[in-house]
Amino acid sequence: KIGKQKRFGRSSEKMVYDEQMELCFNEAEVT
């Protein structure tokens, strides 16, 4: 799948998602 994506897919590493990303760890709550 990765080989096909690199050959035929978009080369950009940018990925857009509709909703905001949620934090994965407590330490992210830095003020």
ModelCIF file with pLDDT and N, C-alpha, C, O atoms, coordinates in Angstrom:
data_MODEL
#
_entry.id   MODEL 
#
_entity.id                         1 
_entity.type                       polymer 
_entity.pdbx_number_of_molecules   1 
#
_entity_poly.entity_id                      1 
_entity_poly.type                           'polypeptide(L)' 
_entity_poly.nstd_linkage                   no 
_entity_poly.nstd_monomer                   no 
_entity_poly.pdbx_seq_one_letter_code       KIGKQKRFGRSSEKMVYDEQMELCFNEAEVT 
_entity_poly.pdbx_seq_one_letter_code_can   KIGKQKRFGRSSEKMVYDEQMELCFNEAEVT 
_entity_poly.pdbx_strand_id                 A 
#
loop_
_entity_poly_seq.entity_id 
_entity_poly_seq.num 
_entity_poly_seq.mon_id 
_entity_poly_seq.hetero 
1 1  LYS n 
1 2  ILE n 
1 3  GLY n 
1 4  LYS n 
1 5  GLN n 
1 6  LYS n 
1 7  ARG n 
1 8  PHE n 
1 9  GLY n 
1 10 ARG n 
1 11 SER n 
1 12 SER n 
1 13 GLU n 
1 14 LYS n 
1 15 MET n 
1 16 VAL n 
1 17 TYR n 
1 18 ASP n 
1 19 GLU n 
1 20 GLN n 
1 21 MET n 
1 22 GLU n 
1 23 LEU n 
1 24 CYS n 
1 25 PHE n 
1 26 ASN n 
1 27 GLU n 
1 28 ALA n 
1 29 GLU n 
1 30 VAL n 
1 31 THR n 
#
_struct_asym.id          A 
_struct_asym.entity_id   1 
#
loop_
_ma_qa_metric.id 
_ma_qa_metric.mode 
_ma_qa_metric.name 
_ma_qa_metric.software_group_id 
_ma_qa_metric.type 
1 global pLDDT . pLDDT 
2 local  pLDDT . pLDDT 
#
_ma_qa_metric_global.metric_id      1 
_ma_qa_metric_global.metric_value   48.58 
_ma_qa_metric_global.model_id       1 
_ma_qa_metric_global.ordinal_id     1 
#
loop_
_ma_qa_metric_local.label_asym_id 
_ma_qa_metric_local.label_comp_id 
_ma_qa_metric_local.label_seq_id 
_ma_qa_metric_local.metric_id 
_ma_qa_metric_local.metric_value 
_ma_qa_metric_local.model_id 
_ma_qa_metric_local.ordinal_id 
A LYS 1  2 64.00 1 1  
A ILE 2  2 61.00 1 2  
A GLY 3  2 67.00 1 3  
A LYS 4  2 64.00 1 4  
A GLN 5  2 65.00 1 5  
A LYS 6  2 60.00 1 6  
A ARG 7  2 64.00 1 7  
A PHE 8  2 62.00 1 8  
A GLY 9  2 60.00 1 9  
A ARG 10 2 61.00 1 10 
A SER 11 2 59.00 1 11 
A SER 12 2 57.00 1 12 
A GLU 13 2 54.00 1 13 
A LYS 14 2 55.00 1 14 
A MET 15 2 42.00 1 15 
A VAL 16 2 40.00 1 16 
A TYR 17 2 37.00 1 17 
A ASP 18 2 39.00 1 18 
A GLU 19 2 39.00 1 19 
A GLN 20 2 39.00 1 20 
A MET 21 2 44.00 1 21 
A GLU 22 2 40.00 1 22 
A LEU 23 2 38.00 1 23 
A CYS 24 2 39.00 1 24 
A PHE 25 2 37.00 1 25 
A ASN 26 2 37.00 1 26 
A GLU 27 2 36.00 1 27 
A ALA 28 2 36.00 1 28 
A GLU 29 2 38.00 1 29 
A VAL 30 2 37.00 1 30 
A THR 31 2 35.00 1 31 
#
loop_
_atom_site.group_PDB 
_atom_site.id 
_atom_site.type_symbol 
_atom_site.label_atom_id 
_atom_site.label_alt_id 
_atom_site.label_comp_id 
_atom_site.label_asym_id 
_atom_site.label_entity_id 
_atom_site.label_seq_id 
_atom_site.pdbx_PDB_ins_code 
_atom_site.Cartn_x 
_atom_site.Cartn_y 
_atom_site.Cartn_z 
_atom_site.occupancy 
_atom_site.B_iso_or_equiv 
_atom_site.pdbx_formal_charge 
_atom_site.auth_seq_id 
_atom_site.auth_comp_id 
_atom_site.auth_asym_id 
_atom_site.auth_atom_id 
_atom_site.pdbx_PDB_model_num 
ATOM 1   N N  . LYS A 1 1  ? 0.825   -1.206 0.000  1.00 64.00 ? 1  LYS A N  1 
ATOM 2   C CA . LYS A 1 1  ? 0.000   0.000  0.000  1.00 64.00 ? 1  LYS A CA 1 
ATOM 3   C C  . LYS A 1 1  ? 0.861   1.257  0.000  1.00 64.00 ? 1  LYS A C  1 
ATOM 4   O O  . LYS A 1 1  ? 0.588   2.217  -0.721 1.00 64.00 ? 1  LYS A O  1 
ATOM 5   N N  . ILE A 1 2  ? 1.910   1.230  0.828  1.00 61.00 ? 2  ILE A N  1 
ATOM 6   C CA . ILE A 1 2  ? 2.791   2.397  0.893  1.00 61.00 ? 2  ILE A CA 1 
ATOM 7   C C  . ILE A 1 2  ? 3.513   2.593  -0.435 1.00 61.00 ? 2  ILE A C  1 
ATOM 8   O O  . ILE A 1 2  ? 3.674   3.722  -0.899 1.00 61.00 ? 2  ILE A O  1 
ATOM 9   N N  . GLY A 1 3  ? 3.956   1.472  -1.056 1.00 67.00 ? 3  GLY A N  1 
ATOM 10  C CA . GLY A 1 3  ? 4.612   1.573  -2.364 1.00 67.00 ? 3  GLY A CA 1 
ATOM 11  C C  . GLY A 1 3  ? 3.694   2.153  -3.420 1.00 67.00 ? 3  GLY A C  1 
ATOM 12  O O  . GLY A 1 3  ? 4.111   2.996  -4.214 1.00 67.00 ? 3  GLY A O  1 
ATOM 13  N N  . LYS A 1 4  ? 2.446   1.708  -3.438 1.00 64.00 ? 4  LYS A N  1 
ATOM 14  C CA . LYS A 1 4  ? 1.477   2.243  -4.406 1.00 64.00 ? 4  LYS A CA 1 
ATOM 15  C C  . LYS A 1 4  ? 1.208   3.715  -4.150 1.00 64.00 ? 4  LYS A C  1 
ATOM 16  O O  . LYS A 1 4  ? 1.104   4.517  -5.079 1.00 64.00 ? 4  LYS A O  1 
ATOM 17  N N  . GLN A 1 5  ? 1.095   4.058  -2.858 1.00 65.00 ? 5  GLN A N  1 
ATOM 18  C CA . GLN A 1 5  ? 0.809   5.452  -2.535 1.00 65.00 ? 5  GLN A CA 1 
ATOM 19  C C  . GLN A 1 5  ? 1.946   6.362  -2.969 1.00 65.00 ? 5  GLN A C  1 
ATOM 20  O O  . GLN A 1 5  ? 1.718   7.452  -3.493 1.00 65.00 ? 5  GLN A O  1 
ATOM 21  N N  . LYS A 1 6  ? 3.193   5.897  -2.741 1.00 60.00 ? 6  LYS A N  1 
ATOM 22  C CA . LYS A 1 6  ? 4.348   6.721  -3.121 1.00 60.00 ? 6  LYS A CA 1 
ATOM 23  C C  . LYS A 1 6  ? 4.447   6.868  -4.629 1.00 60.00 ? 6  LYS A C  1 
ATOM 24  O O  . LYS A 1 6  ? 4.894   7.898  -5.135 1.00 60.00 ? 6  LYS A O  1 
ATOM 25  N N  . ARG A 1 7  ? 4.026   5.828  -5.347 1.00 64.00 ? 7  ARG A N  1 
ATOM 26  C CA . ARG A 1 7  ? 4.148   5.875  -6.802 1.00 64.00 ? 7  ARG A CA 1 
ATOM 27  C C  . ARG A 1 7  ? 2.993   6.629  -7.454 1.00 64.00 ? 7  ARG A C  1 
ATOM 28  O O  . ARG A 1 7  ? 3.195   7.405  -8.388 1.00 64.00 ? 7  ARG A O  1 
ATOM 29  N N  . PHE A 1 8  ? 1.773   6.390  -6.950 1.00 62.00 ? 8  PHE A N  1 
ATOM 30  C CA . PHE A 1 8  ? 0.599   6.936  -7.619 1.00 62.00 ? 8  PHE A CA 1 
ATOM 31  C C  . PHE A 1 8  ? -0.138  8.001  -6.802 1.00 62.00 ? 8  PHE A C  1 
ATOM 32  O O  . PHE A 1 8  ? -0.943  8.752  -7.352 1.00 62.00 ? 8  PHE A O  1 
ATOM 33  N N  . GLY A 1 9  ? 0.129   8.072  -5.494 1.00 60.00 ? 9  GLY A N  1 
ATOM 34  C CA . GLY A 1 9  ? -0.606  8.999  -4.652 1.00 60.00 ? 9  GLY A CA 1 
ATOM 35  C C  . GLY A 1 9  ? 0.026   10.363 -4.614 1.00 60.00 ? 9  GLY A C  1 
ATOM 36  O O  . GLY A 1 9  ? 0.990   10.643 -5.327 1.00 60.00 ? 9  GLY A O  1 
ATOM 37  N N  . ARG A 1 10 ? -0.526  11.206 -3.775 1.00 61.00 ? 10 ARG A N  1 
ATOM 38  C CA . ARG A 1 10 ? 0.019   12.564 -3.626 1.00 61.00 ? 10 ARG A CA 1 
ATOM 39  C C  . ARG A 1 10 ? 1.330   12.495 -2.866 1.00 61.00 ? 10 ARG A C  1 
ATOM 40  O O  . ARG A 1 10 ? 1.490   11.685 -1.952 1.00 61.00 ? 10 ARG A O  1 
ATOM 41  N N  . SER A 1 11 ? 2.248   13.333 -3.244 1.00 59.00 ? 11 SER A N  1 
ATOM 42  C CA . SER A 1 11 ? 3.563   13.317 -2.599 1.00 59.00 ? 11 SER A CA 1 
ATOM 43  C C  . SER A 1 11 ? 3.579   14.171 -1.345 1.00 59.00 ? 11 SER A C  1 
ATOM 44  O O  . SER A 1 11 ? 4.431   13.984 -0.476 1.00 59.00 ? 11 SER A O  1 
ATOM 45  N N  . SER A 1 12 ? 2.643   15.111 -1.243 1.00 57.00 ? 12 SER A N  1 
ATOM 46  C CA . SER A 1 12 ? 2.617   15.978 -0.076 1.00 57.00 ? 12 SER A CA 1 
ATOM 47  C C  . SER A 1 12 ? 2.314   15.169 1.172  1.00 57.00 ? 12 SER A C  1 
ATOM 48  O O  . SER A 1 12 ? 1.532   14.219 1.141  1.00 57.00 ? 12 SER A O  1 
ATOM 49  N N  . GLU A 1 13 ? 2.952   15.565 2.284  1.00 54.00 ? 13 GLU A N  1 
ATOM 50  C CA . GLU A 1 13 ? 2.683   14.903 3.555  1.00 54.00 ? 13 GLU A CA 1 
ATOM 51  C C  . GLU A 1 13 ? 1.590   15.615 4.327  1.00 54.00 ? 13 GLU A C  1 
ATOM 52  O O  . GLU A 1 13 ? 1.298   15.241 5.463  1.00 54.00 ? 13 GLU A O  1 
ATOM 53  N N  . LYS A 1 14 ? 0.985   16.621 3.744  1.00 55.00 ? 14 LYS A N  1 
ATOM 54  C CA . LYS A 1 14 ? -0.058  17.366 4.419  1.00 55.00 ? 14 LYS A CA 1 
ATOM 55  C C  . LYS A 1 14 ? -1.350  16.567 4.408  1.00 55.00 ? 14 LYS A C  1 
ATOM 56  O O  . LYS A 1 14 ? -1.746  16.048 3.364  1.00 55.00 ? 14 LYS A O  1 
ATOM 57  N N  . MET A 1 15 ? -2.006  16.461 5.544  1.00 42.00 ? 15 MET A N  1 
ATOM 58  C CA . MET A 1 15 ? -3.276  15.757 5.639  1.00 42.00 ? 15 MET A CA 1 
ATOM 59  C C  . MET A 1 15 ? -4.260  16.642 6.367  1.00 42.00 ? 15 MET A C  1 
ATOM 60  O O  . MET A 1 15 ? -3.967  17.144 7.452  1.00 42.00 ? 15 MET A O  1 
ATOM 61  N N  . VAL A 1 16 ? -5.418  16.837 5.783  1.00 40.00 ? 16 VAL A N  1 
ATOM 62  C CA . VAL A 1 16 ? -6.412  17.730 6.355  1.00 40.00 ? 16 VAL A CA 1 
ATOM 63  C C  . VAL A 1 16 ? -7.556  16.899 6.917  1.00 40.00 ? 16 VAL A C  1 
ATOM 64  O O  . VAL A 1 16 ? -8.064  15.998 6.251  1.00 40.00 ? 16 VAL A O  1 
ATOM 65  N N  . TYR A 1 17 ? -7.959  17.207 8.147  1.00 37.00 ? 17 TYR A N  1 
ATOM 66  C CA . TYR A 1 17 ? -9.072  16.521 8.777  1.00 37.00 ? 17 TYR A CA 1 
ATOM 67  C C  . TYR A 1 17 ? -10.121 17.547 9.183  1.00 37.00 ? 17 TYR A C  1 
ATOM 68  O O  . TYR A 1 17 ? -9.790  18.688 9.506  1.00 37.00 ? 17 TYR A O  1 
ATOM 69  N N  . ASP A 1 18 ? -11.367 17.144 9.165  1.00 39.00 ? 18 ASP A N  1 
ATOM 70  C CA . ASP A 1 18 ? -12.457 18.074 9.387  1.00 39.00 ? 18 ASP A CA 1 
ATOM 71  C C  . ASP A 1 18 ? -12.480 18.605 10.820 1.00 39.00 ? 18 ASP A C  1 
ATOM 72  O O  . ASP A 1 18 ? -12.574 19.812 11.040 1.00 39.00 ? 18 ASP A O  1 
ATOM 73  N N  . GLU A 1 19 ? -12.393 17.695 11.791 1.00 39.00 ? 19 GLU A N  1 
ATOM 74  C CA . GLU A 1 19 ? -12.480 18.112 13.183 1.00 39.00 ? 19 GLU A CA 1 
ATOM 75  C C  . GLU A 1 19 ? -11.098 18.347 13.758 1.00 39.00 ? 19 GLU A C  1 
ATOM 76  O O  . GLU A 1 19 ? -10.089 17.892 13.220 1.00 39.00 ? 19 GLU A O  1 
ATOM 77  N N  . GLN A 1 20 ? -11.081 19.073 14.873 1.00 39.00 ? 20 GLN A N  1 
ATOM 78  C CA . GLN A 1 20 ? -9.790  19.337 15.496 1.00 39.00 ? 20 GLN A CA 1 
ATOM 79  C C  . GLN A 1 20 ? -9.191  18.059 16.039 1.00 39.00 ? 20 GLN A C  1 
ATOM 80  O O  . GLN A 1 20 ? -9.903  17.162 16.490 1.00 39.00 ? 20 GLN A O  1 
ATOM 81  N N  . MET A 1 21 ? -7.860  17.987 15.989 1.00 44.00 ? 21 MET A N  1 
ATOM 82  C CA . MET A 1 21 ? -7.186  16.831 16.548 1.00 44.00 ? 21 MET A CA 1 
ATOM 83  C C  . MET A 1 21 ? -7.282  16.868 18.071 1.00 44.00 ? 21 MET A C  1 
ATOM 84  O O  . MET A 1 21 ? -7.116  17.920 18.687 1.00 44.00 ? 21 MET A O  1 
ATOM 85  N N  . GLU A 1 22 ? -7.546  15.731 18.658 1.00 40.00 ? 22 GLU A N  1 
ATOM 86  C CA . GLU A 1 22 ? -7.611  15.658 20.109 1.00 40.00 ? 22 GLU A CA 1 
ATOM 87  C C  . GLU A 1 22 ? -6.238  15.320 20.665 1.00 40.00 ? 22 GLU A C  1 
ATOM 88  O O  . GLU A 1 22 ? -5.432  14.665 20.004 1.00 40.00 ? 22 GLU A O  1 
ATOM 89  N N  . LEU A 1 23 ? -5.981  15.768 21.872 1.00 38.00 ? 23 LEU A N  1 
ATOM 90  C CA . LEU A 1 23 ? -4.683  15.524 22.489 1.00 38.00 ? 23 LEU A CA 1 
ATOM 91  C C  . LEU A 1 23 ? -4.556  14.077 22.930 1.00 38.00 ? 23 LEU A C  1 
ATOM 92  O O  . LEU A 1 23 ? -5.541  13.445 23.312 1.00 38.00 ? 23 LEU A O  1 
ATOM 93  N N  . CYS A 1 24 ? -3.346  13.559 22.874 1.00 39.00 ? 24 CYS A N  1 
ATOM 94  C CA . CYS A 1 24 ? -3.105  12.155 23.201 1.00 39.00 ? 24 CYS A CA 1 
ATOM 95  C C  . CYS A 1 24 ? -2.451  11.975 24.560 1.00 39.00 ? 24 CYS A C  1 
ATOM 96  O O  . CYS A 1 24 ? -2.261  10.845 25.009 1.00 39.00 ? 24 CYS A O  1 
ATOM 97  N N  . PHE A 1 25 ? -2.103  13.073 25.220 1.00 37.00 ? 25 PHE A N  1 
ATOM 98  C CA . PHE A 1 25 ? -1.383  12.892 26.473 1.00 37.00 ? 25 PHE A CA 1 
ATOM 99  C C  . PHE A 1 25 ? -1.682  14.063 27.385 1.00 37.00 ? 25 PHE A C  1 
ATOM 100 O O  . PHE A 1 25 ? -1.935  15.174 26.918 1.00 37.00 ? 25 PHE A O  1 
ATOM 101 N N  . ASN A 1 26 ? -1.654  13.818 28.676 1.00 37.00 ? 26 ASN A N  1 
ATOM 102 C CA . ASN A 1 26 ? -2.022  14.839 29.650 1.00 37.00 ? 26 ASN A CA 1 
ATOM 103 C C  . ASN A 1 26 ? -1.071  16.024 29.630 1.00 37.00 ? 26 ASN A C  1 
ATOM 104 O O  . ASN A 1 26 ? -1.475  17.163 29.866 1.00 37.00 ? 26 ASN A O  1 
ATOM 105 N N  . GLU A 1 27 ? 0.218   15.740 29.340 1.00 36.00 ? 27 GLU A N  1 
ATOM 106 C CA . GLU A 1 27 ? 1.200   16.827 29.388 1.00 36.00 ? 27 GLU A CA 1 
ATOM 107 C C  . GLU A 1 27 ? 0.928   17.902 28.352 1.00 36.00 ? 27 GLU A C  1 
ATOM 108 O O  . GLU A 1 27 ? 1.516   18.981 28.426 1.00 36.00 ? 27 GLU A O  1 
ATOM 109 N N  . ALA A 1 28 ? 0.054   17.639 27.385 1.00 36.00 ? 28 ALA A N  1 
ATOM 110 C CA . ALA A 1 28 ? -0.230  18.633 26.358 1.00 36.00 ? 28 ALA A CA 1 
ATOM 111 C C  . ALA A 1 28 ? -0.959  19.837 26.923 1.00 36.00 ? 28 ALA A C  1 
ATOM 112 O O  . ALA A 1 28 ? -0.982  20.895 26.294 1.00 36.00 ? 28 ALA A O  1 
ATOM 113 N N  . GLU A 1 29 ? -1.565  19.693 28.116 1.00 38.00 ? 29 GLU A N  1 
ATOM 114 C CA . GLU A 1 29 ? -2.342  20.783 28.677 1.00 38.00 ? 29 GLU A CA 1 
ATOM 115 C C  . GLU A 1 29 ? -1.424  21.771 29.368 1.00 38.00 ? 29 GLU A C  1 
ATOM 116 O O  . GLU A 1 29 ? -1.499  21.994 30.577 1.00 38.00 ? 29 GLU A O  1 
ATOM 117 N N  . VAL A 1 30 ? -0.558  22.354 28.560 1.00 37.00 ? 30 VAL A N  1 
ATOM 118 C CA . VAL A 1 30 ? 0.380   23.347 29.064 1.00 37.00 ? 30 VAL A CA 1 
ATOM 119 C C  . VAL A 1 30 ? -0.246  24.714 28.893 1.00 37.00 ? 30 VAL A C  1 
ATOM 120 O O  . VAL A 1 30 ? -0.831  24.995 27.847 1.00 37.00 ? 30 VAL A O  1 
ATOM 121 N N  . THR A 1 31 ? -0.140  25.561 29.883 1.00 35.00 ? 31 THR A N  1 
ATOM 122 C CA . THR A 1 31 ? -0.740  26.883 29.777 1.00 35.00 ? 31 THR A CA 1 
ATOM 123 C C  . THR A 1 31 ? 0.308   27.917 29.460 1.00 35.00 ? 31 THR A C  1 
ATOM 124 O O  . THR A 1 31 ? -0.010  29.099 29.331 1.00 35.00 ? 31 THR A O  1 
#
